[in-house]
Protein backbone atom coordinates (compact mmCIF):
# COMPACT_ATOMS: atom_id res chain seq x y z
CA MET A 1 -9.75 29.18 -9.51
CA PRO A 2 -10.01 32.84 -8.82
CA GLU A 3 -11.12 35.06 -10.91
CA GLY A 4 -8.07 36.18 -14.02
CA ASP A 5 -6.11 33.12 -13.59
CA VAL A 6 -5.39 31.16 -16.46
CA GLU A 7 -6.60 27.55 -16.85
CA THR A 8 -5.59 24.84 -19.44
CA PHE A 9 -7.66 21.83 -20.50
CA HIS A 10 -8.62 19.37 -22.90
CA LYS A 11 -12.18 19.70 -24.58
CA ASP A 12 -13.52 18.54 -28.12
CA GLY A 13 -10.31 16.74 -28.99
CA GLU A 14 -8.11 19.61 -28.44
CA TRP A 15 -6.48 21.56 -25.79
CA HIS A 16 -7.43 24.89 -24.64
CA ASN A 17 -6.76 27.83 -22.20
CA ARG A 18 -9.45 30.11 -20.79
CA ILE A 19 -9.32 32.85 -18.16
CA GLU A 20 -11.68 32.56 -15.00
CA GLY A 21 -14.26 35.08 -15.14
CA ARG A 22 -14.65 35.29 -18.84
CA GLU A 23 -16.54 33.24 -21.27
CA GLY A 24 -15.45 30.90 -24.10
CA SER A 25 -11.77 29.28 -24.14
CA LEU A 26 -8.87 31.54 -26.08
CA GLY A 27 -8.38 29.03 -28.91
CA GLY A 28 -7.25 25.23 -29.50
CA HIS A 29 -4.08 24.12 -29.73
CA ALA A 30 -3.34 20.41 -31.64
CA THR A 31 -1.14 19.72 -28.38
CA LYS A 32 -0.43 19.92 -24.85
CA GLU A 33 2.56 20.86 -24.94
CA GLU A 34 1.42 24.45 -27.17
CA ALA A 35 -1.48 25.05 -24.89
CA VAL A 36 0.84 25.00 -22.00
CA ALA A 37 3.04 27.10 -23.13
CA ALA A 38 0.36 29.72 -24.52
CA GLY A 39 -1.12 30.00 -21.37
CA ARG A 40 2.33 30.51 -19.18
CA LEU A 41 2.61 33.35 -21.51
CA ILE A 42 -0.65 34.70 -20.47
CA ALA A 43 -0.21 34.02 -17.35
CA GLN A 44 3.10 35.66 -16.68
CA GLU A 45 1.52 38.72 -18.78
CA HIS A 46 -1.37 39.26 -16.12
CA GLN A 47 0.71 37.76 -13.41
CA VAL A 48 -1.61 35.29 -12.07
CA GLU A 49 -1.55 31.07 -11.70
CA HIS A 50 -1.60 29.04 -14.32
CA ILE A 51 -3.21 25.56 -13.45
CA VAL A 52 -3.11 22.85 -15.70
CA ARG A 53 -5.15 20.32 -15.96
CA ASN A 54 -4.60 16.28 -16.94
CA LEU A 55 -6.97 14.92 -19.68
CA ASP A 56 -9.34 13.11 -16.96
CA GLY A 57 -9.60 16.73 -15.71
CA LYS A 58 -7.57 16.60 -12.30
CA ILE A 59 -5.16 19.35 -11.67
CA GLY A 60 -1.45 18.05 -12.86
CA GLN A 61 0.03 21.52 -12.34
CA ARG A 62 0.16 24.60 -10.45
CA SER A 63 2.57 27.38 -11.33
CA THR A 64 2.27 31.09 -9.81
CA TYR A 65 3.46 33.81 -11.94
CA GLY A 66 2.53 37.18 -9.63
CA HIS A 67 1.59 38.27 -6.27
CA ASP A 68 2.09 35.01 -3.70
CA PRO A 69 0.23 35.83 -0.72
CA ARG A 70 1.44 33.37 1.57
CA ASP A 71 4.49 34.30 3.35
CA ILE A 72 6.77 31.17 3.15
CA PRO A 73 10.35 31.63 2.77
CA GLY A 74 11.51 29.72 -0.20
């Protein structure tokens, strides 16, 4: 995950967001939906990728909200 991307993940019974390259999380959320919504806003604001992990830690969803380096039409 490149530095600056936002990651939503589950830890210690709560859902968290963190920005890659920075220490700690941006607070806990009771539900995945709350954490995803908060992470999405942060990613949009910073124009970076938002990575959402499932309970097992595997990537469940990725969204790009900024410069997409791929030169693919559509």
